[in-house]
Amino acid sequence: MRGTQNYLDFEKGLAELEGKAEELRAMGGQDSGMDVAEEARQLDEKSAALLKDLYAKLTPWQKCQVARHPGRPH
């Protein structure tokens, strides 16, 4: 999970999926009667697949953006 990282322009869909999963977990934590773990897990799986697909098809400019990202390990 990426947490509170900055997302690049081409990662907007990924940011939305991860945000929805975090919302579900927060709702589940507030209301113990709601079981949202399965839905959150499914969103996590979708976001992992999307991330893999996004990074498999990077354009040269997107590779440059990733290389220059401030959250990139040095």
PDB file of N, CA and C in Angstrom:
ATOM      1  N   MET A   1       0.848  -1.184   0.000  1.00  0.00           N
ATOM      2  CA  MET A   1       0.000   0.000   0.000  1.00  0.00           C
ATOM      3  C   MET A   1       0.881   1.229   0.000  1.00  0.00           C
ATOM      4  N   ARG A   2       0.511   2.219  -0.728  1.00  0.00           N
ATOM      5  CA  ARG A   2       1.326   3.408  -0.895  1.00  0.00           C
ATOM      6  C   ARG A   2       1.060   4.473   0.157  1.00  0.00           C
ATOM      7  N   GLY A   3      -0.047   4.416   0.847  1.00  0.00           N
ATOM      8  CA  GLY A   3      -0.317   5.374   1.920  1.00  0.00           C
ATOM      9  C   GLY A   3      -0.592   6.771   1.410  1.00  0.00           C
ATOM     10  N   THR A   4       0.042   7.756   2.034  1.00  0.00           N
ATOM     11  CA  THR A   4      -0.229   9.152   1.704  1.00  0.00           C
ATOM     12  C   THR A   4       0.808   9.716   0.732  1.00  0.00           C
ATOM     13  N   GLN A   5       1.179   8.973  -0.263  1.00  0.00           N
ATOM     14  CA  GLN A   5       2.148   9.430  -1.239  1.00  0.00           C
ATOM     15  C   GLN A   5       1.509  10.331  -2.267  1.00  0.00           C
ATOM     16  N   ASN A   6       2.364  11.070  -2.947  1.00  0.00           N
ATOM     17  CA  ASN A   6       1.920  11.867  -4.080  1.00  0.00           C
ATOM     18  C   ASN A   6       1.804  10.953  -5.287  1.00  0.00           C
ATOM     19  N   TYR A   7       0.758  11.149  -6.048  1.00  0.00           N
ATOM     20  CA  TYR A   7       0.538  10.336  -7.236  1.00  0.00           C
ATOM     21  C   TYR A   7       0.867  11.158  -8.469  1.00  0.00           C
ATOM     22  N   LEU A   8       1.416  10.506  -9.463  1.00  0.00           N
ATOM     23  CA  LEU A   8       1.683  11.147 -10.740  1.00  0.00           C
ATOM     24  C   LEU A   8       0.388  11.227 -11.533  1.00  0.00           C
ATOM     25  N   ASP A   9       0.377  12.042 -12.583  1.00  0.00           N
ATOM     26  CA  ASP A   9      -0.834  12.239 -13.383  1.00  0.00           C
ATOM     27  C   ASP A   9      -1.413  10.931 -13.908  1.00  0.00           C
ATOM     28  N   PHE A  10      -0.559  10.049 -14.389  1.00  0.00           N
ATOM     29  CA  PHE A  10      -1.053   8.803 -14.980  1.00  0.00           C
ATOM     30  C   PHE A  10      -1.491   7.790 -13.920  1.00  0.00           C
ATOM     31  N   GLU A  11      -1.307   8.093 -12.638  1.00  0.00           N
ATOM     32  CA  GLU A  11      -1.710   7.193 -11.557  1.00  0.00           C
ATOM     33  C   GLU A  11      -3.019   7.609 -10.893  1.00  0.00           C
ATOM     34  N   LYS A  12      -3.770   8.518 -11.485  1.00  0.00           N
ATOM     35  CA  LYS A  12      -4.999   9.036 -10.871  1.00  0.00           C
ATOM     36  C   LYS A  12      -6.018   7.925 -10.590  1.00  0.00           C
ATOM     37  N   GLY A  13      -6.207   7.007 -11.514  1.00  0.00           N
ATOM     38  CA  GLY A  13      -7.139   5.896 -11.304  1.00  0.00           C
ATOM     39  C   GLY A  13      -6.713   5.024 -10.129  1.00  0.00           C
ATOM     40  N   LEU A  14      -5.416   4.831 -10.012  1.00  0.00           N
ATOM     41  CA  LEU A  14      -4.868   4.064  -8.903  1.00  0.00           C
ATOM     42  C   LEU A  14      -5.121   4.783  -7.576  1.00  0.00           C
ATOM     43  N   ALA A  15      -4.945   6.085  -7.578  1.00  0.00           N
ATOM     44  CA  ALA A  15      -5.174   6.879  -6.367  1.00  0.00           C
ATOM     45  C   ALA A  15      -6.627   6.775  -5.924  1.00  0.00           C
ATOM     46  N   GLU A  16      -7.547   6.802  -6.880  1.00  0.00           N
ATOM     47  CA  GLU A  16      -8.968   6.692  -6.552  1.00  0.00           C
ATOM     48  C   GLU A  16      -9.287   5.337  -5.930  1.00  0.00           C
ATOM     49  N   LEU A  17      -8.769   4.259  -6.524  1.00  0.00           N
ATOM     50  CA  LEU A  17      -9.027   2.922  -5.978  1.00  0.00           C
ATOM     51  C   LEU A  17      -8.468   2.781  -4.567  1.00  0.00           C
ATOM     52  N   GLU A  18      -7.239   3.250  -4.363  1.00  0.00           N
ATOM     53  CA  GLU A  18      -6.638   3.137  -3.044  1.00  0.00           C
ATOM     54  C   GLU A  18      -7.375   4.015  -2.032  1.00  0.00           C
ATOM     55  N   GLY A  19      -7.860   5.169  -2.475  1.00  0.00           N
ATOM     56  CA  GLY A  19      -8.626   6.043  -1.594  1.00  0.00           C
ATOM     57  C   GLY A  19      -9.933   5.403  -1.168  1.00  0.00           C
ATOM     58  N   LYS A  20     -10.606   4.743  -2.107  1.00  0.00           N
ATOM     59  CA  LYS A  20     -11.866   4.063  -1.783  1.00  0.00           C
ATOM     60  C   LYS A  20     -11.634   2.930  -0.792  1.00  0.00           C
ATOM     61  N   ALA A  21     -10.542   2.189  -0.969  1.00  0.00           N
ATOM     62  CA  ALA A  21     -10.233   1.091  -0.050  1.00  0.00           C
ATOM     63  C   ALA A  21      -9.972   1.640   1.353  1.00  0.00           C
ATOM     64  N   GLU A  22      -9.252   2.759   1.447  1.00  0.00           N
ATOM     65  CA  GLU A  22      -8.979   3.362   2.754  1.00  0.00           C
ATOM     66  C   GLU A  22     -10.265   3.880   3.394  1.00  0.00           C
ATOM     67  N   GLU A  23     -11.157   4.450   2.576  1.00  0.00           N
ATOM     68  CA  GLU A  23     -12.456   4.913   3.093  1.00  0.00           C
ATOM     69  C   GLU A  23     -13.242   3.751   3.687  1.00  0.00           C
ATOM     70  N   LEU A  24     -13.265   2.632   2.966  1.00  0.00           N
ATOM     71  CA  LEU A  24     -13.985   1.459   3.456  1.00  0.00           C
ATOM     72  C   LEU A  24     -13.411   0.979   4.783  1.00  0.00           C
ATOM     73  N   ARG A  25     -12.087   0.952   4.876  1.00  0.00           N
ATOM     74  CA  ARG A  25     -11.464   0.514   6.128  1.00  0.00           C
ATOM     75  C   ARG A  25     -11.803   1.470   7.273  1.00  0.00           C
ATOM     76  N   ALA A  26     -11.829   2.765   6.979  1.00  0.00           N
ATOM     77  CA  ALA A  26     -12.166   3.754   8.006  1.00  0.00           C
ATOM     78  C   ALA A  26     -13.617   3.590   8.449  1.00  0.00           C
ATOM     79  N   MET A  27     -14.519   3.357   7.494  1.00  0.00           N
ATOM     80  CA  MET A  27     -15.926   3.144   7.831  1.00  0.00           C
ATOM     81  C   MET A  27     -16.086   1.880   8.661  1.00  0.00           C
ATOM     82  N   GLY A  28     -15.359   0.844   8.308  1.00  0.00           N
ATOM     83  CA  GLY A  28     -15.422  -0.409   9.056  1.00  0.00           C
ATOM     84  C   GLY A  28     -14.879  -0.260  10.453  1.00  0.00           C
ATOM     85  N   GLY A  29     -13.876   0.598  10.627  1.00  0.00           N
ATOM     86  CA  GLY A  29     -13.309   0.831  11.952  1.00  0.00           C
ATOM     87  C   GLY A  29     -14.241   1.620  12.844  1.00  0.00           C
ATOM     88  N   GLN A  30     -15.036   2.503  12.247  1.00  0.00           N
ATOM     89  CA  GLN A  30     -15.972   3.311  13.021  1.00  0.00           C
ATOM     90  C   GLN A  30     -17.212   2.527  13.406  1.00  0.00           C
ATOM     91  N   ASP A  31     -17.671   1.670  12.520  1.00  0.00           N
ATOM     92  CA  ASP A  31     -18.901   0.907  12.747  1.00  0.00           C
ATOM     93  C   ASP A  31     -18.544  -0.571  12.753  1.00  0.00           C
ATOM     94  N   SER A  32     -18.454  -1.153  13.922  1.00  0.00           N
ATOM     95  CA  SER A  32     -18.037  -2.546  14.029  1.00  0.00           C
ATOM     96  C   SER A  32     -19.051  -3.512  13.416  1.00  0.00           C
ATOM     97  N   GLY A  33     -20.267  -3.048  13.153  1.00  0.00           N
ATOM     98  CA  GLY A  33     -21.284  -3.880  12.541  1.00  0.00           C
ATOM     99  C   GLY A  33     -21.073  -4.062  11.042  1.00  0.00           C
ATOM    100  N   MET A  34     -20.260  -3.207  10.447  1.00  0.00           N
ATOM    101  CA  MET A  34     -20.018  -3.293   9.006  1.00  0.00           C
ATOM    102  C   MET A  34     -18.790  -4.156   8.743  1.00  0.00           C
ATOM    103  N   ASP A  35     -18.932  -5.119   7.858  1.00  0.00           N
ATOM    104  CA  ASP A  35     -17.792  -5.952   7.467  1.00  0.00           C
ATOM    105  C   ASP A  35     -17.407  -5.568   6.052  1.00  0.00           C
ATOM    106  N   VAL A  36     -16.438  -4.718   5.931  1.00  0.00           N
ATOM    107  CA  VAL A  36     -16.027  -4.212   4.620  1.00  0.00           C
ATOM    108  C   VAL A  36     -14.646  -4.733   4.229  1.00  0.00           C
ATOM    109  N   ALA A  37     -14.103  -5.627   5.016  1.00  0.00           N
ATOM    110  CA  ALA A  37     -12.759  -6.135   4.757  1.00  0.00           C
ATOM    111  C   ALA A  37     -12.671  -6.804   3.385  1.00  0.00           C
ATOM    112  N   GLU A  38     -13.695  -7.555   3.012  1.00  0.00           N
ATOM    113  CA  GLU A  38     -13.667  -8.263   1.717  1.00  0.00           C
ATOM    114  C   GLU A  38     -13.685  -7.266   0.562  1.00  0.00           C
ATOM    115  N   GLU A  39     -14.535  -6.241   0.654  1.00  0.00           N
ATOM    116  CA  GLU A  39     -14.588  -5.227  -0.402  1.00  0.00           C
ATOM    117  C   GLU A  39     -13.267  -4.476  -0.494  1.00  0.00           C
ATOM    118  N   ALA A  40     -12.688  -4.135   0.645  1.00  0.00           N
ATOM    119  CA  ALA A  40     -11.405  -3.434   0.668  1.00  0.00           C
ATOM    120  C   ALA A  40     -10.316  -4.313   0.063  1.00  0.00           C
ATOM    121  N   ARG A  41     -10.356  -5.599   0.364  1.00  0.00           N
ATOM    122  CA  ARG A  41      -9.368  -6.531  -0.194  1.00  0.00           C
ATOM    123  C   ARG A  41      -9.494  -6.603  -1.714  1.00  0.00           C
ATOM    124  N   GLN A  42     -10.732  -6.628  -2.208  1.00  0.00           N
ATOM    125  CA  GLN A  42     -10.950  -6.664  -3.653  1.00  0.00           C
ATOM    126  C   GLN A  42     -10.434  -5.393  -4.326  1.00  0.00           C
ATOM    127  N   LEU A  43     -10.651  -4.246  -3.685  1.00  0.00           N
ATOM    128  CA  LEU A  43     -10.127  -2.992  -4.227  1.00  0.00           C
ATOM    129  C   LEU A  43      -8.601  -2.989  -4.214  1.00  0.00           C
ATOM    130  N   ASP A  44      -8.008  -3.572  -3.170  1.00  0.00           N
ATOM    131  CA  ASP A  44      -6.547  -3.683  -3.112  1.00  0.00           C
ATOM    132  C   ASP A  44      -6.021  -4.543  -4.260  1.00  0.00           C
ATOM    133  N   GLU A  45      -6.727  -5.635  -4.551  1.00  0.00           N
ATOM    134  CA  GLU A  45      -6.316  -6.502  -5.654  1.00  0.00           C
ATOM    135  C   GLU A  45      -6.424  -5.775  -6.991  1.00  0.00           C
ATOM    136  N   LYS A  46      -7.515  -5.011  -7.168  1.00  0.00           N
ATOM    137  CA  LYS A  46      -7.677  -4.235  -8.399  1.00  0.00           C
ATOM    138  C   LYS A  46      -6.577  -3.195  -8.542  1.00  0.00           C
ATOM    139  N   SER A  47      -6.249  -2.520  -7.437  1.00  0.00           N
ATOM    140  CA  SER A  47      -5.218  -1.485  -7.503  1.00  0.00           C
ATOM    141  C   SER A  47      -3.847  -2.100  -7.781  1.00  0.00           C
ATOM    142  N   ALA A  48      -3.570  -3.280  -7.238  1.00  0.00           N
ATOM    143  CA  ALA A  48      -2.298  -3.951  -7.512  1.00  0.00           C
ATOM    144  C   ALA A  48      -2.200  -4.335  -8.990  1.00  0.00           C
ATOM    145  N   ALA A  49      -3.309  -4.836  -9.550  1.00  0.00           N
ATOM    146  CA  ALA A  49      -3.317  -5.201 -10.964  1.00  0.00           C
ATOM    147  C   ALA A  49      -3.167  -3.954 -11.843  1.00  0.00           C
ATOM    148  N   LEU A  50      -3.833  -2.877 -11.467  1.00  0.00           N
ATOM    149  CA  LEU A  50      -3.736  -1.629 -12.223  1.00  0.00           C
ATOM    150  C   LEU A  50      -2.317  -1.079 -12.167  1.00  0.00           C
ATOM    151  N   LEU A  51      -1.696  -1.126 -10.987  1.00  0.00           N
ATOM    152  CA  LEU A  51      -0.326  -0.651 -10.835  1.00  0.00           C
ATOM    153  C   LEU A  51       0.625  -1.446 -11.728  1.00  0.00           C
ATOM    154  N   LYS A  52       0.458  -2.752 -11.722  1.00  0.00           N
ATOM    155  CA  LYS A  52       1.304  -3.617 -12.558  1.00  0.00           C
ATOM    156  C   LYS A  52       1.107  -3.275 -14.032  1.00  0.00           C
ATOM    157  N   ASP A  53      -0.139  -3.083 -14.442  1.00  0.00           N
ATOM    158  CA  ASP A  53      -0.443  -2.758 -15.831  1.00  0.00           C
ATOM    159  C   ASP A  53       0.100  -1.379 -16.214  1.00  0.00           C
ATOM    160  N   LEU A  54      -0.073  -0.398 -15.332  1.00  0.00           N
ATOM    161  CA  LEU A  54       0.418   0.953 -15.603  1.00  0.00           C
ATOM    162  C   LEU A  54       1.922   0.965 -15.822  1.00  0.00           C
ATOM    163  N   TYR A  55       2.643   0.321 -14.928  1.00  0.00           N
ATOM    164  CA  TYR A  55       4.096   0.366 -14.993  1.00  0.00           C
ATOM    165  C   TYR A  55       4.668  -0.551 -16.070  1.00  0.00           C
ATOM    166  N   ALA A  56       3.878  -1.469 -16.589  1.00  0.00           N
ATOM    167  CA  ALA A  56       4.325  -2.314 -17.694  1.00  0.00           C
ATOM    168  C   ALA A  56       4.296  -1.560 -19.016  1.00  0.00           C
ATOM    169  N   LYS A  57       3.497  -0.481 -19.081  1.00  0.00           N
ATOM    170  CA  LYS A  57       3.294   0.241 -20.338  1.00  0.00           C
ATOM    171  C   LYS A  57       3.687   1.712 -20.228  1.00  0.00           C
ATOM    172  N   LEU A  58       4.728   2.027 -19.480  1.00  0.00           N
ATOM    173  CA  LEU A  58       5.124   3.421 -19.317  1.00  0.00           C
ATOM    174  C   LEU A  58       5.714   3.989 -20.607  1.00  0.00           C
ATOM    175  N   THR A  59       5.351   5.223 -20.881  1.00  0.00           N
ATOM    176  CA  THR A  59       5.959   5.942 -21.998  1.00  0.00           C
ATOM    177  C   THR A  59       7.314   6.475 -21.521  1.00  0.00           C
ATOM    178  N   PRO A  60       8.163   6.907 -22.435  1.00  0.00           N
ATOM    179  CA  PRO A  60       9.445   7.478 -22.001  1.00  0.00           C
ATOM    180  C   PRO A  60       9.271   8.671 -21.044  1.00  0.00           C
ATOM    181  N   TRP A  61       8.270   9.516 -21.272  1.00  0.00           N
ATOM    182  CA  TRP A  61       8.055  10.651 -20.377  1.00  0.00           C
ATOM    183  C   TRP A  61       7.605  10.183 -18.996  1.00  0.00           C
ATOM    184  N   GLN A  62       6.752   9.185 -18.947  1.00  0.00           N
ATOM    185  CA  GLN A  62       6.302   8.666 -17.657  1.00  0.00           C
ATOM    186  C   GLN A  62       7.467   8.047 -16.889  1.00  0.00           C
ATOM    187  N   LYS A  63       8.368   7.376 -17.587  1.00  0.00           N
ATOM    188  CA  LYS A  63       9.562   6.818 -16.934  1.00  0.00           C
ATOM    189  C   LYS A  63      10.400   7.943 -16.336  1.00  0.00           C
ATOM    190  N   CYS A  64      10.507   9.036 -17.048  1.00  0.00           N
ATOM    191  CA  CYS A  64      11.243  10.193 -16.553  1.00  0.00           C
ATOM    192  C   CYS A  64      10.567  10.759 -15.306  1.00  0.00           C
ATOM    193  N   GLN A  65       9.232  10.836 -15.321  1.00  0.00           N
ATOM    194  CA  GLN A  65       8.492  11.343 -14.156  1.00  0.00           C
ATOM    195  C   GLN A  65       8.715  10.452 -12.937  1.00  0.00           C
ATOM    196  N   VAL A  66       8.697   9.152 -13.147  1.00  0.00           N
ATOM    197  CA  VAL A  66       8.918   8.209 -12.045  1.00  0.00           C
ATOM    198  C   VAL A  66      10.333   8.374 -11.506  1.00  0.00           C
ATOM    199  N   ALA A  67      11.303   8.519 -12.403  1.00  0.00           N
ATOM    200  CA  ALA A  67      12.699   8.666 -11.982  1.00  0.00           C
ATOM    201  C   ALA A  67      12.914   9.938 -11.174  1.00  0.00           C
ATOM    202  N   ARG A  68      12.144  10.979 -11.487  1.00  0.00           N
ATOM    203  CA  ARG A  68      12.304  12.273 -10.799  1.00  0.00           C
ATOM    204  C   ARG A  68      11.359  12.447  -9.617  1.00  0.00           C
ATOM    205  N   HIS A  69      10.523  11.471  -9.336  1.00  0.00           N
ATOM    206  CA  HIS A  69       9.534  11.574  -8.269  1.00  0.00           C
ATOM    207  C   HIS A  69      10.222  11.810  -6.927  1.00  0.00           C
ATOM    208  N   PRO A  70       9.747  12.783  -6.136  1.00  0.00           N
ATOM    209  CA  PRO A  70      10.396  13.066  -4.852  1.00  0.00           C
ATOM    210  C   PRO A  70      10.309  11.918  -3.845  1.00  0.00           C
ATOM    211  N   GLY A  71       9.328  11.025  -3.995  1.00  0.00           N
ATOM    212  CA  GLY A  71       9.195   9.898  -3.069  1.00  0.00           C
ATOM    213  C   GLY A  71      10.000   8.683  -3.480  1.00  0.00           C
ATOM    214  N   ARG A  72      10.732   8.797  -4.568  1.00  0.00           N
ATOM    215  CA  ARG A  72      11.524   7.688  -5.073  1.00  0.00           C
ATOM    216  C   ARG A  72      12.694   7.423  -4.124  1.00  0.00           C
ATOM    217  N   PRO A  73      12.972   6.160  -3.825  1.00  0.00           N
ATOM    218  CA  PRO A  73      14.123   5.865  -2.964  1.00  0.00           C
ATOM    219  C   PRO A  73      15.426   6.270  -3.657  1.00  0.00           C
ATOM    220  N   HIS A  74      16.381   6.704  -2.892  1.00  0.00           N
ATOM    221  CA  HIS A  74      17.670   7.135  -3.450  1.00  0.00           C
ATOM    222  C   HIS A  74      18.733   6.101  -3.216  1.00  0.00           C
TER     223      HIS A  74
END
